[in-house]
Amino acid sequence: MKNDFEEKMADIMIGEAVTALLDEDVAISWAVLTERLRAAIEHETDEDRVRAGLRAIEEVRREMQIRAGEKTVVPGADELSAQKLH
């Protein structure tokens, strides 16, 4: 049950971060999204949101690795960070 809650909270936090970036007209990349999530939990006092934020960061990193593995040539770290999501 707690995992379901954390998973939903992680999805919500990803959605909040993406929405904020879109509202600010910032180009969304994996690196920017990860940094925004990190910033969101930096001063967070709610333990559930901190755990969910850490889970969200891990989900984004996993997705980055999956996307990198789908390509025939794996990009370098700089290229991966610069990949735009929109």
N, C-alpha and C. Protein backbone atom coordinates (compact mmCIF):
# COMPACT_ATOMS: atom_id res chain seq x y z
N MET A 1 0.82 -1.19 0.00
CA MET A 1 0.00 0.00 0.00
C MET A 1 0.87 1.26 0.00
N LYS A 2 1.90 1.27 0.84
CA LYS A 2 2.77 2.44 0.91
C LYS A 2 3.50 2.64 -0.41
N ASN A 3 3.91 1.55 -1.06
CA ASN A 3 4.58 1.67 -2.34
C ASN A 3 3.68 2.32 -3.37
N ASP A 4 2.39 1.96 -3.37
CA ASP A 4 1.45 2.58 -4.30
C ASP A 4 1.36 4.08 -4.04
N PHE A 5 1.32 4.46 -2.77
CA PHE A 5 1.25 5.88 -2.41
C PHE A 5 2.51 6.60 -2.88
N GLU A 6 3.68 6.01 -2.61
CA GLU A 6 4.94 6.64 -3.02
C GLU A 6 5.03 6.73 -4.54
N GLU A 7 4.56 5.70 -5.23
CA GLU A 7 4.59 5.72 -6.69
C GLU A 7 3.70 6.83 -7.23
N LYS A 8 2.51 6.97 -6.67
CA LYS A 8 1.60 8.04 -7.10
C LYS A 8 2.19 9.41 -6.79
N MET A 9 2.78 9.55 -5.60
CA MET A 9 3.40 10.82 -5.23
C MET A 9 4.57 11.15 -6.15
N ALA A 10 5.35 10.13 -6.51
CA ALA A 10 6.47 10.35 -7.43
C ALA A 10 5.95 10.84 -8.78
N ASP A 11 4.89 10.21 -9.27
CA ASP A 11 4.29 10.64 -10.54
C ASP A 11 3.77 12.07 -10.45
N ILE A 12 3.16 12.40 -9.32
CA ILE A 12 2.66 13.76 -9.12
C ILE A 12 3.81 14.76 -9.12
N MET A 13 4.90 14.41 -8.44
CA MET A 13 6.04 15.32 -8.38
C MET A 13 6.68 15.51 -9.75
N ILE A 14 6.75 14.45 -10.54
CA ILE A 14 7.26 14.59 -11.91
C ILE A 14 6.34 15.51 -12.70
N GLY A 15 5.04 15.30 -12.56
CA GLY A 15 4.07 16.16 -13.25
C GLY A 15 4.19 17.61 -12.83
N GLU A 16 4.36 17.86 -11.54
CA GLU A 16 4.52 19.23 -11.05
C GLU A 16 5.78 19.87 -11.63
N ALA A 17 6.86 19.11 -11.67
CA ALA A 17 8.12 19.65 -12.20
C ALA A 17 7.99 19.96 -13.68
N VAL A 18 7.40 19.06 -14.44
CA VAL A 18 7.23 19.27 -15.88
C VAL A 18 6.32 20.47 -16.13
N THR A 19 5.23 20.55 -15.39
CA THR A 19 4.29 21.67 -15.54
C THR A 19 4.98 23.00 -15.25
N ALA A 20 5.76 23.05 -14.18
CA ALA A 20 6.48 24.28 -13.84
C ALA A 20 7.46 24.66 -14.94
N LEU A 21 8.18 23.69 -15.48
CA LEU A 21 9.13 23.97 -16.55
C LEU A 21 8.41 24.48 -17.80
N LEU A 22 7.29 23.88 -18.13
CA LEU A 22 6.51 24.33 -19.29
C LEU A 22 5.98 25.75 -19.06
N ASP A 23 5.49 26.02 -17.85
CA ASP A 23 4.99 27.36 -17.52
C ASP A 23 6.09 28.41 -17.64
N GLU A 24 7.31 28.01 -17.31
CA GLU A 24 8.46 28.92 -17.37
C GLU A 24 9.08 28.95 -18.77
N ASP A 25 8.51 28.18 -19.69
CA ASP A 25 8.99 28.09 -21.07
C ASP A 25 10.46 27.64 -21.13
N VAL A 26 10.79 26.70 -20.25
CA VAL A 26 12.14 26.13 -20.20
C VAL A 26 12.15 24.86 -21.05
N ALA A 27 13.19 24.70 -21.85
CA ALA A 27 13.35 23.47 -22.63
C ALA A 27 13.56 22.32 -21.64
N ILE A 28 12.75 21.29 -21.77
CA ILE A 28 12.80 20.18 -20.82
C ILE A 28 13.78 19.13 -21.32
N SER A 29 14.72 18.80 -20.48
CA SER A 29 15.66 17.71 -20.75
C SER A 29 15.69 16.82 -19.52
N TRP A 30 16.30 15.65 -19.68
CA TRP A 30 16.41 14.75 -18.53
C TRP A 30 17.15 15.44 -17.38
N ALA A 31 18.23 16.14 -17.72
CA ALA A 31 19.04 16.80 -16.69
C ALA A 31 18.26 17.90 -15.98
N VAL A 32 17.52 18.71 -16.74
CA VAL A 32 16.74 19.79 -16.15
C VAL A 32 15.64 19.23 -15.25
N LEU A 33 14.98 18.18 -15.71
CA LEU A 33 13.92 17.56 -14.92
C LEU A 33 14.48 16.99 -13.61
N THR A 34 15.61 16.31 -13.70
CA THR A 34 16.24 15.75 -12.50
C THR A 34 16.63 16.86 -11.53
N GLU A 35 17.21 17.93 -12.06
CA GLU A 35 17.62 19.05 -11.21
C GLU A 35 16.41 19.71 -10.55
N ARG A 36 15.32 19.85 -11.28
CA ARG A 36 14.11 20.46 -10.71
C ARG A 36 13.55 19.58 -9.58
N LEU A 37 13.58 18.27 -9.78
CA LEU A 37 13.12 17.36 -8.73
C LEU A 37 14.02 17.44 -7.50
N ARG A 38 15.33 17.52 -7.74
CA ARG A 38 16.27 17.65 -6.63
C ARG A 38 16.00 18.93 -5.84
N ALA A 39 15.76 20.01 -6.56
CA ALA A 39 15.48 21.29 -5.91
C ALA A 39 14.18 21.23 -5.12
N ALA A 40 13.21 20.49 -5.63
CA ALA A 40 11.91 20.38 -4.96
C ALA A 40 12.02 19.70 -3.60
N ILE A 41 12.94 18.76 -3.47
CA ILE A 41 13.05 18.05 -2.19
C ILE A 41 14.12 18.63 -1.27
N GLU A 42 14.89 19.59 -1.78
CA GLU A 42 15.99 20.14 -1.01
C GLU A 42 15.54 20.71 0.34
N HIS A 43 14.46 21.46 0.35
CA HIS A 43 13.99 22.08 1.60
C HIS A 43 12.66 21.50 2.05
N GLU A 44 12.29 20.37 1.48
CA GLU A 44 11.02 19.72 1.81
C GLU A 44 11.09 19.15 3.22
N THR A 45 10.04 19.36 4.00
CA THR A 45 10.00 18.84 5.37
C THR A 45 9.10 17.61 5.49
N ASP A 46 8.25 17.39 4.52
CA ASP A 46 7.35 16.24 4.53
C ASP A 46 8.13 15.00 4.06
N GLU A 47 8.30 14.05 4.97
CA GLU A 47 9.09 12.85 4.65
C GLU A 47 8.52 12.07 3.47
N ASP A 48 7.20 12.02 3.35
CA ASP A 48 6.59 11.30 2.23
C ASP A 48 6.97 11.94 0.90
N ARG A 49 6.97 13.28 0.85
CA ARG A 49 7.34 13.97 -0.39
C ARG A 49 8.83 13.81 -0.69
N VAL A 50 9.65 13.78 0.35
CA VAL A 50 11.09 13.57 0.13
C VAL A 50 11.31 12.18 -0.48
N ARG A 51 10.69 11.16 0.11
CA ARG A 51 10.83 9.80 -0.42
C ARG A 51 10.29 9.72 -1.85
N ALA A 52 9.14 10.35 -2.07
CA ALA A 52 8.55 10.34 -3.41
C ALA A 52 9.44 11.08 -4.40
N GLY A 53 10.04 12.17 -3.96
CA GLY A 53 10.95 12.92 -4.83
C GLY A 53 12.18 12.10 -5.20
N LEU A 54 12.72 11.40 -4.22
CA LEU A 54 13.87 10.53 -4.50
C LEU A 54 13.48 9.41 -5.46
N ARG A 55 12.29 8.88 -5.26
CA ARG A 55 11.80 7.83 -6.16
C ARG A 55 11.61 8.39 -7.57
N ALA A 56 11.08 9.61 -7.67
CA ALA A 56 10.89 10.25 -8.97
C ALA A 56 12.22 10.45 -9.68
N ILE A 57 13.22 10.89 -8.95
CA ILE A 57 14.56 11.07 -9.53
C ILE A 57 15.08 9.74 -10.05
N GLU A 58 14.89 8.69 -9.27
CA GLU A 58 15.34 7.36 -9.69
C GLU A 58 14.60 6.90 -10.93
N GLU A 59 13.30 7.17 -11.01
CA GLU A 59 12.52 6.81 -12.20
C GLU A 59 13.03 7.53 -13.44
N VAL A 60 13.34 8.82 -13.29
CA VAL A 60 13.86 9.60 -14.41
C VAL A 60 15.21 9.04 -14.85
N ARG A 61 16.07 8.73 -13.90
CA ARG A 61 17.39 8.15 -14.24
C ARG A 61 17.24 6.81 -14.96
N ARG A 62 16.32 5.99 -14.48
CA ARG A 62 16.08 4.69 -15.12
C ARG A 62 15.60 4.89 -16.56
N GLU A 63 14.70 5.83 -16.74
CA GLU A 63 14.19 6.12 -18.08
C GLU A 63 15.31 6.63 -18.99
N MET A 64 16.20 7.44 -18.44
CA MET A 64 17.35 7.92 -19.21
C MET A 64 18.19 6.74 -19.70
N GLN A 65 18.43 5.78 -18.81
CA GLN A 65 19.24 4.62 -19.16
C GLN A 65 18.54 3.76 -20.21
N ILE A 66 17.24 3.60 -20.07
CA ILE A 66 16.48 2.81 -21.04
C ILE A 66 16.55 3.47 -22.40
N ARG A 67 16.32 4.78 -22.44
CA ARG A 67 16.35 5.51 -23.72
C ARG A 67 17.73 5.45 -24.35
N ALA A 68 18.76 5.55 -23.53
CA ALA A 68 20.13 5.49 -24.05
C ALA A 68 20.41 4.10 -24.62
N GLY A 69 19.87 3.06 -23.99
CA GLY A 69 20.08 1.69 -24.45
C GLY A 69 19.35 1.37 -25.73
N GLU A 70 18.29 2.12 -26.06
CA GLU A 70 17.52 1.88 -27.28
C GLU A 70 18.27 2.34 -28.52
N LYS A 71 19.23 3.20 -28.37
CA LYS A 71 19.98 3.72 -29.51
C LYS A 71 21.11 2.77 -29.85
N THR A 72 21.47 2.75 -31.11
CA THR A 72 22.57 1.88 -31.52
C THR A 72 23.90 2.45 -31.03
N VAL A 73 24.00 3.76 -30.98
CA VAL A 73 25.19 4.41 -30.45
C VAL A 73 24.78 5.10 -29.16
N VAL A 74 25.42 4.73 -28.08
CA VAL A 74 25.08 5.32 -26.80
C VAL A 74 25.76 6.68 -26.71
N PRO A 75 24.98 7.75 -26.47
CA PRO A 75 25.57 9.08 -26.40
C PRO A 75 26.42 9.24 -25.15
N GLY A 76 27.35 10.19 -25.22
CA GLY A 76 28.15 10.51 -24.05
C GLY A 76 27.31 11.22 -23.02
N ALA A 77 27.87 11.43 -21.86
CA ALA A 77 27.12 12.07 -20.76
C ALA A 77 26.62 13.45 -21.15
N ASP A 78 27.45 14.23 -21.87
CA ASP A 78 27.02 15.57 -22.27
C ASP A 78 25.85 15.51 -23.23
N GLU A 79 25.88 14.57 -24.17
CA GLU A 79 24.80 14.44 -25.14
C GLU A 79 23.52 13.98 -24.44
N LEU A 80 23.63 13.07 -23.48
CA LEU A 80 22.46 12.56 -22.76
C LEU A 80 21.81 13.68 -21.96
N SER A 81 22.62 14.50 -21.31
CA SER A 81 22.08 15.60 -20.52
C SER A 81 21.39 16.62 -21.40
N ALA A 82 21.86 16.77 -22.63
CA ALA A 82 21.31 17.78 -23.52
C ALA A 82 20.07 17.31 -24.27
N GLN A 83 19.75 16.02 -24.21
CA GLN A 83 18.57 15.52 -24.93
C GLN A 83 17.33 16.24 -24.46
N LYS A 84 16.58 16.75 -25.40
CA LYS A 84 15.35 17.46 -25.08
C LYS A 84 14.18 16.50 -25.06
N LEU A 85 13.26 16.72 -24.14
CA LEU A 85 12.06 15.89 -24.05
C LEU A 85 10.90 16.53 -24.78
N HIS A 86 10.98 17.83 -25.02
CA HIS A 86 9.93 18.51 -25.79
C HIS A 86 10.53 19.58 -26.63
